[in-house]
Amino acid sequence: LAIHWGEYGFGGPKQIHLLYVFKLIFY
């Protein structure tokens, strides 16, 4: 898992990050 993190980080789908972008826009 540590080696995988080195290339892909947490590895979650990018829609998770889009959720935070929308939250920042709301803020």
mmCIF file of all heavy atoms, coordinates in Angstrom:
data_MODEL
# 
_entry.id   MODEL 
# 
loop_
_atom_site.group_PDB 
_atom_site.id 
_atom_site.type_symbol 
_atom_site.label_atom_id 
_atom_site.label_alt_id 
_atom_site.label_comp_id 
_atom_site.label_asym_id 
_atom_site.label_entity_id 
_atom_site.label_seq_id 
_atom_site.pdbx_PDB_ins_code 
_atom_site.Cartn_x 
_atom_site.Cartn_y 
_atom_site.Cartn_z 
_atom_site.occupancy 
_atom_site.B_iso_or_equiv 
_atom_site.pdbx_formal_charge 
_atom_site.auth_seq_id 
_atom_site.auth_comp_id 
_atom_site.auth_asym_id 
_atom_site.auth_atom_id 
_atom_site.pdbx_PDB_model_num 
ATOM 1   N N   . LEU A 1 1  ? 0.821   -1.208 0.000   1.00 0.00 ? 1  LEU A N   1 
ATOM 2   C CA  . LEU A 1 1  ? 0.000   0.000  0.000   1.00 0.00 ? 1  LEU A CA  1 
ATOM 3   C C   . LEU A 1 1  ? 0.860   1.265  0.000   1.00 0.00 ? 1  LEU A C   1 
ATOM 4   O O   . LEU A 1 1  ? 0.486   2.269  -0.626  1.00 0.00 ? 1  LEU A O   1 
ATOM 5   C CB  . LEU A 1 1  ? -0.937  -0.013 1.206   1.00 0.00 ? 1  LEU A CB  1 
ATOM 6   C CG  . LEU A 1 1  ? -1.986  -1.133 1.204   1.00 0.00 ? 1  LEU A CG  1 
ATOM 7   C CD1 . LEU A 1 1  ? -2.779  -1.121 2.509   1.00 0.00 ? 1  LEU A CD1 1 
ATOM 8   C CD2 . LEU A 1 1  ? -2.920  -1.021 0.013   1.00 0.00 ? 1  LEU A CD2 1 
ATOM 9   N N   . ALA A 1 2  ? 1.983   1.246  0.695   1.00 0.00 ? 2  ALA A N   1 
ATOM 10  C CA  . ALA A 1 2  ? 2.860   2.421  0.703   1.00 0.00 ? 2  ALA A CA  1 
ATOM 11  C C   . ALA A 1 2  ? 3.445   2.670  -0.690  1.00 0.00 ? 2  ALA A C   1 
ATOM 12  O O   . ALA A 1 2  ? 3.514   3.816  -1.155  1.00 0.00 ? 2  ALA A O   1 
ATOM 13  C CB  . ALA A 1 2  ? 3.974   2.242  1.729   1.00 0.00 ? 2  ALA A CB  1 
ATOM 14  N N   . ILE A 1 3  ? 3.861   1.602  -1.361  1.00 0.00 ? 3  ILE A N   1 
ATOM 15  C CA  . ILE A 1 3  ? 4.397   1.747  -2.725  1.00 0.00 ? 3  ILE A CA  1 
ATOM 16  C C   . ILE A 1 3  ? 3.306   2.267  -3.655  1.00 0.00 ? 3  ILE A C   1 
ATOM 17  O O   . ILE A 1 3  ? 3.545   3.148  -4.493  1.00 0.00 ? 3  ILE A O   1 
ATOM 18  C CB  . ILE A 1 3  ? 4.968   0.407  -3.219  1.00 0.00 ? 3  ILE A CB  1 
ATOM 19  C CG1 . ILE A 1 3  ? 6.244   0.059  -2.440  1.00 0.00 ? 3  ILE A CG1 1 
ATOM 20  C CG2 . ILE A 1 3  ? 5.247   0.448  -4.713  1.00 0.00 ? 3  ILE A CG2 1 
ATOM 21  C CD1 . ILE A 1 3  ? 6.792   -1.316 -2.720  1.00 0.00 ? 3  ILE A CD1 1 
ATOM 22  N N   . HIS A 1 4  ? 2.107   1.750  -3.514  1.00 0.00 ? 4  HIS A N   1 
ATOM 23  C CA  . HIS A 1 4  ? 0.995   2.204  -4.353  1.00 0.00 ? 4  HIS A CA  1 
ATOM 24  C C   . HIS A 1 4  ? 0.687   3.672  -4.075  1.00 0.00 ? 4  HIS A C   1 
ATOM 25  O O   . HIS A 1 4  ? 0.387   4.442  -5.013  1.00 0.00 ? 4  HIS A O   1 
ATOM 26  C CB  . HIS A 1 4  ? -0.235  1.336  -4.106  1.00 0.00 ? 4  HIS A CB  1 
ATOM 27  C CG  . HIS A 1 4  ? -1.362  1.604  -5.059  1.00 0.00 ? 4  HIS A CG  1 
ATOM 28  N ND1 . HIS A 1 4  ? -2.435  2.399  -4.728  1.00 0.00 ? 4  HIS A ND1 1 
ATOM 29  C CD2 . HIS A 1 4  ? -1.569  1.192  -6.345  1.00 0.00 ? 4  HIS A CD2 1 
ATOM 30  C CE1 . HIS A 1 4  ? -3.255  2.466  -5.755  1.00 0.00 ? 4  HIS A CE1 1 
ATOM 31  N NE2 . HIS A 1 4  ? -2.771  1.742  -6.746  1.00 0.00 ? 4  HIS A NE2 1 
ATOM 32  N N   . TRP A 1 5  ? 0.759   4.071  -2.818  1.00 0.00 ? 5  TRP A N   1 
ATOM 33  C CA  . TRP A 1 5  ? 0.528   5.480  -2.486  1.00 0.00 ? 5  TRP A CA  1 
ATOM 34  C C   . TRP A 1 5  ? 1.533   6.375  -3.216  1.00 0.00 ? 5  TRP A C   1 
ATOM 35  O O   . TRP A 1 5  ? 1.206   7.467  -3.663  1.00 0.00 ? 5  TRP A O   1 
ATOM 36  C CB  . TRP A 1 5  ? 0.625   5.698  -0.976  1.00 0.00 ? 5  TRP A CB  1 
ATOM 37  C CG  . TRP A 1 5  ? 0.233   7.096  -0.560  1.00 0.00 ? 5  TRP A CG  1 
ATOM 38  C CD1 . TRP A 1 5  ? 0.926   8.252  -0.791  1.00 0.00 ? 5  TRP A CD1 1 
ATOM 39  C CD2 . TRP A 1 5  ? -0.971  7.485  0.107   1.00 0.00 ? 5  TRP A CD2 1 
ATOM 40  N NE1 . TRP A 1 5  ? 0.245   9.340  -0.295  1.00 0.00 ? 5  TRP A NE1 1 
ATOM 41  C CE2 . TRP A 1 5  ? -0.925  8.895  0.258   1.00 0.00 ? 5  TRP A CE2 1 
ATOM 42  C CE3 . TRP A 1 5  ? -2.066  6.790  0.607   1.00 0.00 ? 5  TRP A CE3 1 
ATOM 43  C CZ2 . TRP A 1 5  ? -1.941  9.609  0.894   1.00 0.00 ? 5  TRP A CZ2 1 
ATOM 44  C CZ3 . TRP A 1 5  ? -3.080  7.501  1.235   1.00 0.00 ? 5  TRP A CZ3 1 
ATOM 45  C CH2 . TRP A 1 5  ? -3.008  8.888  1.366   1.00 0.00 ? 5  TRP A CH2 1 
ATOM 46  N N   . GLY A 1 6  ? 2.768   5.923  -3.321  1.00 0.00 ? 6  GLY A N   1 
ATOM 47  C CA  . GLY A 1 6  ? 3.796   6.726  -3.972  1.00 0.00 ? 6  GLY A CA  1 
ATOM 48  C C   . GLY A 1 6  ? 3.426   7.143  -5.385  1.00 0.00 ? 6  GLY A C   1 
ATOM 49  O O   . GLY A 1 6  ? 3.792   8.230  -5.835  1.00 0.00 ? 6  GLY A O   1 
ATOM 50  N N   . GLU A 1 7  ? 2.688   6.298  -6.097  1.00 0.00 ? 7  GLU A N   1 
ATOM 51  C CA  . GLU A 1 7  ? 2.281   6.619  -7.468  1.00 0.00 ? 7  GLU A CA  1 
ATOM 52  C C   . GLU A 1 7  ? 0.876   7.214  -7.556  1.00 0.00 ? 7  GLU A C   1 
ATOM 53  O O   . GLU A 1 7  ? 0.612   8.065  -8.410  1.00 0.00 ? 7  GLU A O   1 
ATOM 54  C CB  . GLU A 1 7  ? 2.327   5.363  -8.335  1.00 0.00 ? 7  GLU A CB  1 
ATOM 55  C CG  . GLU A 1 7  ? 3.718   4.993  -8.812  1.00 0.00 ? 7  GLU A CG  1 
ATOM 56  C CD  . GLU A 1 7  ? 3.674   3.988  -9.946  1.00 0.00 ? 7  GLU A CD  1 
ATOM 57  O OE1 . GLU A 1 7  ? 3.004   2.955  -9.789  1.00 0.00 ? 7  GLU A OE1 1 
ATOM 58  O OE2 . GLU A 1 7  ? 4.290   4.248  -10.982 1.00 0.00 ? 7  GLU A OE2 1 
ATOM 59  N N   . TYR A 1 8  ? -0.028  6.782  -6.664  1.00 0.00 ? 8  TYR A N   1 
ATOM 60  C CA  . TYR A 1 8  ? -1.438  7.130  -6.840  1.00 0.00 ? 8  TYR A CA  1 
ATOM 61  C C   . TYR A 1 8  ? -2.068  7.821  -5.635  1.00 0.00 ? 8  TYR A C   1 
ATOM 62  O O   . TYR A 1 8  ? -3.247  8.173  -5.683  1.00 0.00 ? 8  TYR A O   1 
ATOM 63  C CB  . TYR A 1 8  ? -2.244  5.862  -7.163  1.00 0.00 ? 8  TYR A CB  1 
ATOM 64  C CG  . TYR A 1 8  ? -1.792  5.189  -8.437  1.00 0.00 ? 8  TYR A CG  1 
ATOM 65  C CD1 . TYR A 1 8  ? -0.972  4.063  -8.392  1.00 0.00 ? 8  TYR A CD1 1 
ATOM 66  C CD2 . TYR A 1 8  ? -2.156  5.694  -9.682  1.00 0.00 ? 8  TYR A CD2 1 
ATOM 67  C CE1 . TYR A 1 8  ? -0.536  3.446  -9.555  1.00 0.00 ? 8  TYR A CE1 1 
ATOM 68  C CE2 . TYR A 1 8  ? -1.726  5.088  -10.848 1.00 0.00 ? 8  TYR A CE2 1 
ATOM 69  C CZ  . TYR A 1 8  ? -0.924  3.962  -10.779 1.00 0.00 ? 8  TYR A CZ  1 
ATOM 70  O OH  . TYR A 1 8  ? -0.493  3.355  -11.940 1.00 0.00 ? 8  TYR A OH  1 
ATOM 71  N N   . GLY A 1 9  ? -1.298  8.024  -4.580  1.00 0.00 ? 9  GLY A N   1 
ATOM 72  C CA  . GLY A 1 9  ? -1.881  8.632  -3.400  1.00 0.00 ? 9  GLY A CA  1 
ATOM 73  C C   . GLY A 1 9  ? -2.971  7.753  -2.820  1.00 0.00 ? 9  GLY A C   1 
ATOM 74  O O   . GLY A 1 9  ? -2.916  6.525  -2.884  1.00 0.00 ? 9  GLY A O   1 
ATOM 75  N N   . PHE A 1 10 ? -3.989  8.387  -2.271  1.00 0.00 ? 10 PHE A N   1 
ATOM 76  C CA  . PHE A 1 10 ? -5.093  7.648  -1.672  1.00 0.00 ? 10 PHE A CA  1 
ATOM 77  C C   . PHE A 1 10 ? -5.787  6.768  -2.702  1.00 0.00 ? 10 PHE A C   1 
ATOM 78  O O   . PHE A 1 10 ? -6.290  5.696  -2.393  1.00 0.00 ? 10 PHE A O   1 
ATOM 79  C CB  . PHE A 1 10 ? -6.082  8.640  -1.053  1.00 0.00 ? 10 PHE A CB  1 
ATOM 80  C CG  . PHE A 1 10 ? -7.264  8.008  -0.394  1.00 0.00 ? 10 PHE A CG  1 
ATOM 81  C CD1 . PHE A 1 10 ? -7.112  7.183  0.705   1.00 0.00 ? 10 PHE A CD1 1 
ATOM 82  C CD2 . PHE A 1 10 ? -8.548  8.235  -0.868  1.00 0.00 ? 10 PHE A CD2 1 
ATOM 83  C CE1 . PHE A 1 10 ? -8.209  6.600  1.321   1.00 0.00 ? 10 PHE A CE1 1 
ATOM 84  C CE2 . PHE A 1 10 ? -9.650  7.664  -0.264  1.00 0.00 ? 10 PHE A CE2 1 
ATOM 85  C CZ  . PHE A 1 10 ? -9.478  6.837  0.837   1.00 0.00 ? 10 PHE A CZ  1 
ATOM 86  N N   . GLY A 1 11 ? -5.815  7.236  -3.952  1.00 0.00 ? 11 GLY A N   1 
ATOM 87  C CA  . GLY A 1 11 ? -6.350  6.414  -5.024  1.00 0.00 ? 11 GLY A CA  1 
ATOM 88  C C   . GLY A 1 11 ? -7.841  6.519  -5.225  1.00 0.00 ? 11 GLY A C   1 
ATOM 89  O O   . GLY A 1 11 ? -8.415  5.776  -6.026  1.00 0.00 ? 11 GLY A O   1 
ATOM 90  N N   . GLY A 1 12 ? -8.496  7.428  -4.521  1.00 0.00 ? 12 GLY A N   1 
ATOM 91  C CA  . GLY A 1 12 ? -9.940  7.564  -4.664  1.00 0.00 ? 12 GLY A CA  1 
ATOM 92  C C   . GLY A 1 12 ? -10.319 8.213  -5.983  1.00 0.00 ? 12 GLY A C   1 
ATOM 93  O O   . GLY A 1 12 ? -9.498  8.850  -6.648  1.00 0.00 ? 12 GLY A O   1 
ATOM 94  N N   . PRO A 1 13 ? -11.562 8.049  -6.417  1.00 0.00 ? 13 PRO A N   1 
ATOM 95  C CA  . PRO A 1 13 ? -12.008 8.675  -7.662  1.00 0.00 ? 13 PRO A CA  1 
ATOM 96  C C   . PRO A 1 13 ? -11.965 10.196 -7.569  1.00 0.00 ? 13 PRO A C   1 
ATOM 97  O O   . PRO A 1 13 ? -12.159 10.774 -6.498  1.00 0.00 ? 13 PRO A O   1 
ATOM 98  C CB  . PRO A 1 13 ? -13.445 8.168  -7.818  1.00 0.00 ? 13 PRO A CB  1 
ATOM 99  C CG  . PRO A 1 13 ? -13.867 7.741  -6.456  1.00 0.00 ? 13 PRO A CG  1 
ATOM 100 C CD  . PRO A 1 13 ? -12.635 7.270  -5.759  1.00 0.00 ? 13 PRO A CD  1 
ATOM 101 N N   . LYS A 1 14 ? -11.728 10.849 -8.694  1.00 0.00 ? 14 LYS A N   1 
ATOM 102 C CA  . LYS A 1 14 ? -11.569 12.304 -8.690  1.00 0.00 ? 14 LYS A CA  1 
ATOM 103 C C   . LYS A 1 14 ? -12.861 13.049 -8.377  1.00 0.00 ? 14 LYS A C   1 
ATOM 104 O O   . LYS A 1 14 ? -12.821 14.240 -8.066  1.00 0.00 ? 14 LYS A O   1 
ATOM 105 C CB  . LYS A 1 14 ? -10.995 12.769 -10.027 1.00 0.00 ? 14 LYS A CB  1 
ATOM 106 C CG  . LYS A 1 14 ? -9.528  12.405 -10.205 1.00 0.00 ? 14 LYS A CG  1 
ATOM 107 C CD  . LYS A 1 14 ? -8.940  13.009 -11.468 1.00 0.00 ? 14 LYS A CD  1 
ATOM 108 C CE  . LYS A 1 14 ? -7.455  12.678 -11.584 1.00 0.00 ? 14 LYS A CE  1 
ATOM 109 N NZ  . LYS A 1 14 ? -6.844  13.234 -12.806 1.00 0.00 ? 14 LYS A NZ  1 
ATOM 110 N N   . GLN A 1 15 ? -13.996 12.362 -8.450  1.00 0.00 ? 15 GLN A N   1 
ATOM 111 C CA  . GLN A 1 15 ? -15.234 13.039 -8.080  1.00 0.00 ? 15 GLN A CA  1 
ATOM 112 C C   . GLN A 1 15 ? -15.233 13.423 -6.604  1.00 0.00 ? 15 GLN A C   1 
ATOM 113 O O   . GLN A 1 15 ? -15.942 14.347 -6.204  1.00 0.00 ? 15 GLN A O   1 
ATOM 114 C CB  . GLN A 1 15 ? -16.438 12.162 -8.400  1.00 0.00 ? 15 GLN A CB  1 
ATOM 115 C CG  . GLN A 1 15 ? -16.531 10.870 -7.616  1.00 0.00 ? 15 GLN A CG  1 
ATOM 116 C CD  . GLN A 1 15 ? -17.721 10.022 -8.036  1.00 0.00 ? 15 GLN A CD  1 
ATOM 117 O OE1 . GLN A 1 15 ? -18.444 10.390 -8.953  1.00 0.00 ? 15 GLN A OE1 1 
ATOM 118 N NE2 . GLN A 1 15 ? -17.919 8.899  -7.364  1.00 0.00 ? 15 GLN A NE2 1 
ATOM 119 N N   . ILE A 1 16 ? -14.411 12.740 -5.812  1.00 0.00 ? 16 ILE A N   1 
ATOM 120 C CA  . ILE A 1 16 ? -14.259 13.133 -4.414  1.00 0.00 ? 16 ILE A CA  1 
ATOM 121 C C   . ILE A 1 16 ? -13.660 14.530 -4.329  1.00 0.00 ? 16 ILE A C   1 
ATOM 122 O O   . ILE A 1 16 ? -14.127 15.382 -3.560  1.00 0.00 ? 16 ILE A O   1 
ATOM 123 C CB  . ILE A 1 16 ? -13.380 12.114 -3.661  1.00 0.00 ? 16 ILE A CB  1 
ATOM 124 C CG1 . ILE A 1 16 ? -14.121 10.790 -3.486  1.00 0.00 ? 16 ILE A CG1 1 
ATOM 125 C CG2 . ILE A 1 16 ? -12.941 12.673 -2.300  1.00 0.00 ? 16 ILE A CG2 1 
ATOM 126 C CD1 . ILE A 1 16 ? -13.284 9.709  -2.825  1.00 0.00 ? 16 ILE A CD1 1 
ATOM 127 N N   . HIS A 1 17 ? -12.639 14.788 -5.131  1.00 0.00 ? 17 HIS A N   1 
ATOM 128 C CA  . HIS A 1 17 ? -12.007 16.099 -5.109  1.00 0.00 ? 17 HIS A CA  1 
ATOM 129 C C   . HIS A 1 17 ? -12.938 17.168 -5.680  1.00 0.00 ? 17 HIS A C   1 
ATOM 130 O O   . HIS A 1 17 ? -12.944 18.311 -5.205  1.00 0.00 ? 17 HIS A O   1 
ATOM 131 C CB  . HIS A 1 17 ? -10.691 16.052 -5.890  1.00 0.00 ? 17 HIS A CB  1 
ATOM 132 C CG  . HIS A 1 17 ? -9.731  15.024 -5.368  1.00 0.00 ? 17 HIS A CG  1 
ATOM 133 N ND1 . HIS A 1 17 ? -9.687  13.751 -5.864  1.00 0.00 ? 17 HIS A ND1 1 
ATOM 134 C CD2 . HIS A 1 17 ? -8.800  15.083 -4.384  1.00 0.00 ? 17 HIS A CD2 1 
ATOM 135 C CE1 . HIS A 1 17 ? -8.765  13.060 -5.209  1.00 0.00 ? 17 HIS A CE1 1 
ATOM 136 N NE2 . HIS A 1 17 ? -8.205  13.845 -4.314  1.00 0.00 ? 17 HIS A NE2 1 
ATOM 137 N N   . LEU A 1 18 ? -13.740 16.793 -6.669  1.00 0.00 ? 18 LEU A N   1 
ATOM 138 C CA  . LEU A 1 18 ? -14.712 17.743 -7.215  1.00 0.00 ? 18 LEU A CA  1 
ATOM 139 C C   . LEU A 1 18 ? -15.723 18.149 -6.152  1.00 0.00 ? 18 LEU A C   1 
ATOM 140 O O   . LEU A 1 18 ? -16.183 19.295 -6.128  1.00 0.00 ? 18 LEU A O   1 
ATOM 141 C CB  . LEU A 1 18 ? -15.424 17.126 -8.420  1.00 0.00 ? 18 LEU A CB  1 
ATOM 142 C CG  . LEU A 1 18 ? -14.592 16.967 -9.694  1.00 0.00 ? 18 LEU A CG  1 
ATOM 143 C CD1 . LEU A 1 18 ? -15.393 16.245 -10.771 1.00 0.00 ? 18 LEU A CD1 1 
ATOM 144 C CD2 . LEU A 1 18 ? -14.127 18.332 -10.201 1.00 0.00 ? 18 LEU A CD2 1 
ATOM 145 N N   . LEU A 1 19 ? -16.073 17.214 -5.277  1.00 0.00 ? 19 LEU A N   1 
ATOM 146 C CA  . LEU A 1 19 ? -16.979 17.537 -4.175  1.00 0.00 ? 19 LEU A CA  1 
ATOM 147 C C   . LEU A 1 19 ? -16.417 18.678 -3.330  1.00 0.00 ? 19 LEU A C   1 
ATOM 148 O O   . LEU A 1 19 ? -17.137 19.619 -2.960  1.00 0.00 ? 19 LEU A O   1 
ATOM 149 C CB  . LEU A 1 19 ? -17.201 16.291 -3.306  1.00 0.00 ? 19 LEU A CB  1 
ATOM 150 C CG  . LEU A 1 19 ? -17.979 16.491 -2.010  1.00 0.00 ? 19 LEU A CG  1 
ATOM 151 C CD1 . LEU A 1 19 ? -19.426 16.844 -2.297  1.00 0.00 ? 19 LEU A CD1 1 
ATOM 152 C CD2 . LEU A 1 19 ? -17.910 15.227 -1.149  1.00 0.00 ? 19 LEU A CD2 1 
ATOM 153 N N   . TYR A 1 20 ? -15.111 18.622 -3.058  1.00 0.00 ? 20 TYR A N   1 
ATOM 154 C CA  . TYR A 1 20 ? -14.484 19.681 -2.260  1.00 0.00 ? 20 TYR A CA  1 
ATOM 155 C C   . TYR A 1 20 ? -14.387 20.989 -3.041  1.00 0.00 ? 20 TYR A C   1 
ATOM 156 O O   . TYR A 1 20 ? -14.477 22.071 -2.455  1.00 0.00 ? 20 TYR A O   1 
ATOM 157 C CB  . TYR A 1 20 ? -13.094 19.232 -1.801  1.00 0.00 ? 20 TYR A CB  1 
ATOM 158 C CG  . TYR A 1 20 ? -13.139 18.213 -0.689  1.00 0.00 ? 20 TYR A CG  1 
ATOM 159 C CD1 . TYR A 1 20 ? -13.067 16.853 -0.955  1.00 0.00 ? 20 TYR A CD1 1 
ATOM 160 C CD2 . TYR A 1 20 ? -13.274 18.609 0.637   1.00 0.00 ? 20 TYR A CD2 1 
ATOM 161 C CE1 . TYR A 1 20 ? -13.122 15.913 0.051   1.00 0.00 ? 20 TYR A CE1 1 
ATOM 162 C CE2 . TYR A 1 20 ? -13.315 17.674 1.664   1.00 0.00 ? 20 TYR A CE2 1 
ATOM 163 C CZ  . TYR A 1 20 ? -13.245 16.324 1.369   1.00 0.00 ? 20 TYR A CZ  1 
ATOM 164 O OH  . TYR A 1 20 ? -13.304 15.409 2.374   1.00 0.00 ? 20 TYR A OH  1 
ATOM 165 N N   . VAL A 1 21 ? -14.207 20.895 -4.347  1.00 0.00 ? 21 VAL A N   1 
ATOM 166 C CA  . VAL A 1 21 ? -14.198 22.111 -5.168  1.00 0.00 ? 21 VAL A CA  1 
ATOM 167 C C   . VAL A 1 21 ? -15.550 22.801 -5.073  1.00 0.00 ? 21 VAL A C   1 
ATOM 168 O O   . VAL A 1 21 ? -15.634 24.028 -4.877  1.00 0.00 ? 21 VAL A O   1 
ATOM 169 C CB  . VAL A 1 21 ? -13.856 21.777 -6.633  1.00 0.00 ? 21 VAL A CB  1 
ATOM 170 C CG1 . VAL A 1 21 ? -14.049 23.001 -7.526  1.00 0.00 ? 21 VAL A CG1 1 
ATOM 171 C CG2 . VAL A 1 21 ? -12.412 21.270 -6.742  1.00 0.00 ? 21 VAL A CG2 1 
ATOM 172 N N   . PHE A 1 22 ? -16.634 22.024 -5.194  1.00 0.00 ? 22 PHE A N   1 
ATOM 173 C CA  . PHE A 1 22 ? -17.975 22.608 -5.089  1.00 0.00 ? 22 PHE A CA  1 
ATOM 174 C C   . PHE A 1 22 ? -18.211 23.186 -3.688  1.00 0.00 ? 22 PHE A C   1 
ATOM 175 O O   . PHE A 1 22 ? -18.849 24.227 -3.526  1.00 0.00 ? 22 PHE A O   1 
ATOM 176 C CB  . PHE A 1 22 ? -19.034 21.562 -5.416  1.00 0.00 ? 22 PHE A CB  1 
ATOM 177 C CG  . PHE A 1 22 ? -19.019 21.106 -6.847  1.00 0.00 ? 22 PHE A CG  1 
ATOM 178 C CD1 . PHE A 1 22 ? -19.212 19.773 -7.172  1.00 0.00 ? 22 PHE A CD1 1 
ATOM 179 C CD2 . PHE A 1 22 ? -18.789 22.012 -7.873  1.00 0.00 ? 22 PHE A CD2 1 
ATOM 180 C CE1 . PHE A 1 22 ? -19.191 19.356 -8.493  1.00 0.00 ? 22 PHE A CE1 1 
ATOM 181 C CE2 . PHE A 1 22 ? -18.767 21.599 -9.195  1.00 0.00 ? 22 PHE A CE2 1 
ATOM 182 C CZ  . PHE A 1 22 ? -18.968 20.273 -9.506  1.00 0.00 ? 22 PHE A CZ  1 
ATOM 183 N N   . LYS A 1 23 ? -17.675 22.508 -2.684  1.00 0.00 ? 23 LYS A N   1 
ATOM 184 C CA  . LYS A 1 23 ? -17.827 23.018 -1.317  1.00 0.00 ? 23 LYS A CA  1 
ATOM 185 C C   . LYS A 1 23 ? -17.094 24.338 -1.139  1.00 0.00 ? 23 LYS A C   1 
ATOM 186 O O   . LYS A 1 23 ? -17.592 25.264 -0.480  1.00 0.00 ? 23 LYS A O   1 
ATOM 187 C CB  . LYS A 1 23 ? -17.316 21.984 -0.308  1.00 0.00 ? 23 LYS A CB  1 
ATOM 188 C CG  . LYS A 1 23 ? -17.519 22.395 1.163   1.00 0.00 ? 23 LYS A CG  1 
ATOM 189 C CD  . LYS A 1 23 ? -17.339 21.213 2.092   1.00 0.00 ? 23 LYS A CD  1 
ATOM 190 C CE  . LYS A 1 23 ? -15.900 20.837 2.282   1.00 0.00 ? 23 LYS A CE  1 
ATOM 191 N NZ  . LYS A 1 23 ? -15.228 21.680 3.293   1.00 0.00 ? 23 LYS A NZ  1 
ATOM 192 N N   . LEU A 1 24 ? -15.915 24.452 -1.736  1.00 0.00 ? 24 LEU A N   1 
ATOM 193 C CA  . LEU A 1 24 ? -15.179 25.716 -1.673  1.00 0.00 ? 24 LEU A CA  1 
ATOM 194 C C   . LEU A 1 24 ? -15.929 26.835 -2.392  1.00 0.00 ? 24 LEU A C   1 
ATOM 195 O O   . LEU A 1 24 ? -15.967 27.976 -1.918  1.00 0.00 ? 24 LEU A O   1 
ATOM 196 C CB  . LEU A 1 24 ? -13.794 25.544 -2.287  1.00 0.00 ? 24 LEU A CB  1 
ATOM 197 C CG  . LEU A 1 24 ? -12.672 25.057 -1.378  1.00 0.00 ? 24 LEU A CG  1 
ATOM 198 C CD1 . LEU A 1 24 ? -11.366 24.990 -2.157  1.00 0.00 ? 24 LEU A CD1 1 
ATOM 199 C CD2 . LEU A 1 24 ? -12.512 25.956 -0.168  1.00 0.00 ? 24 LEU A CD2 1 
ATOM 200 N N   . ILE A 1 25 ? -16.522 26.516 -3.535  1.00 0.00 ? 25 ILE A N   1 
ATOM 201 C CA  . ILE A 1 25 ? -17.316 27.517 -4.250  1.00 0.00 ? 25 ILE A CA  1 
ATOM 202 C C   . ILE A 1 25 ? -18.484 27.977 -3.387  1.00 0.00 ? 25 ILE A C   1 
ATOM 203 O O   . ILE A 1 25 ? -18.783 29.175 -3.305  1.00 0.00 ? 25 ILE A O   1 
ATOM 204 C CB  . ILE A 1 25 ? -17.806 26.945 -5.599  1.00 0.00 ? 25 ILE A CB  1 
ATOM 205 C CG1 . ILE A 1 25 ? -16.616 26.700 -6.535  1.00 0.00 ? 25 ILE A CG1 1 
ATOM 206 C CG2 . ILE A 1 25 ? -18.822 27.885 -6.258  1.00 0.00 ? 25 ILE A CG2 1 
ATOM 207 C CD1 . ILE A 1 25 ? -16.980 25.966 -7.809  1.00 0.00 ? 25 ILE A CD1 1 
ATOM 208 N N   . PHE A 1 26 ? -19.133 27.033 -2.729  1.00 0.00 ? 26 PHE A N   1 
ATOM 209 C CA  . PHE A 1 26 ? -20.226 27.376 -1.808  1.00 0.00 ? 26 PHE A CA  1 
ATOM 210 C C   . PHE A 1 26 ? -19.723 28.277 -0.691  1.00 0.00 ? 26 PHE A C   1 
ATOM 211 O O   . PHE A 1 26 ? -20.343 29.302 -0.365  1.00 0.00 ? 26 PHE A O   1 
ATOM 212 C CB  . PHE A 1 26 ? -20.828 26.089 -1.229  1.00 0.00 ? 26 PHE A CB  1 
ATOM 213 C CG  . PHE A 1 26 ? -21.863 26.321 -0.164  1.00 0.00 ? 26 PHE A CG  1 
ATOM 214 C CD1 . PHE A 1 26 ? -23.190 26.502 -0.506  1.00 0.00 ? 26 PHE A CD1 1 
ATOM 215 C CD2 . PHE A 1 26 ? -21.505 26.341 1.183   1.00 0.00 ? 26 PHE A CD2 1 
ATOM 216 C CE1 . PHE A 1 26 ? -24.155 26.716 0.480   1.00 0.00 ? 26 PHE A CE1 1 
ATOM 217 C CE2 . PHE A 1 26 ? -22.456 26.558 2.174   1.00 0.00 ? 26 PHE A CE2 1 
ATOM 218 C CZ  . PHE A 1 26 ? -23.785 26.746 1.823   1.00 0.00 ? 26 PHE A CZ  1 
ATOM 219 N N   . TYR A 1 27 ? -18.601 27.893 -0.092  1.00 0.00 ? 27 TYR A N   1 
ATOM 220 C CA  . TYR A 1 27 ? -18.023 28.676 1.004   1.00 0.00 ? 27 TYR A CA  1 
ATOM 221 C C   . TYR A 1 27 ? -17.750 30.112 0.575   1.00 0.00 ? 27 TYR A C   1 
ATOM 222 O O   . TYR A 1 27 ? -18.081 31.067 1.289   1.00 0.00 ? 27 TYR A O   1 
ATOM 223 C CB  . TYR A 1 27 ? -16.744 27.990 1.481   1.00 0.00 ? 27 TYR A CB  1 
ATOM 224 C CG  . TYR A 1 27 ? -15.792 28.869 2.254   1.00 0.00 ? 27 TYR A CG  1 
ATOM 225 C CD1 . TYR A 1 27 ? -16.051 29.232 3.578   1.00 0.00 ? 27 TYR A CD1 1 
ATOM 226 C CD2 . TYR A 1 27 ? -14.620 29.347 1.658   1.00 0.00 ? 27 TYR A CD2 1 
ATOM 227 C CE1 . TYR A 1 27 ? -15.169 30.041 4.287   1.00 0.00 ? 27 TYR A CE1 1 
ATOM 228 C CE2 . TYR A 1 27 ? -13.734 30.145 2.356   1.00 0.00 ? 27 TYR A CE2 1 
ATOM 229 C CZ  . TYR A 1 27 ? -14.013 30.494 3.658   1.00 0.00 ? 27 TYR A CZ  1 
ATOM 230 O OH  . TYR A 1 27 ? -13.136 31.295 4.348   1.00 0.00 ? 27 TYR A OH  1 
# 
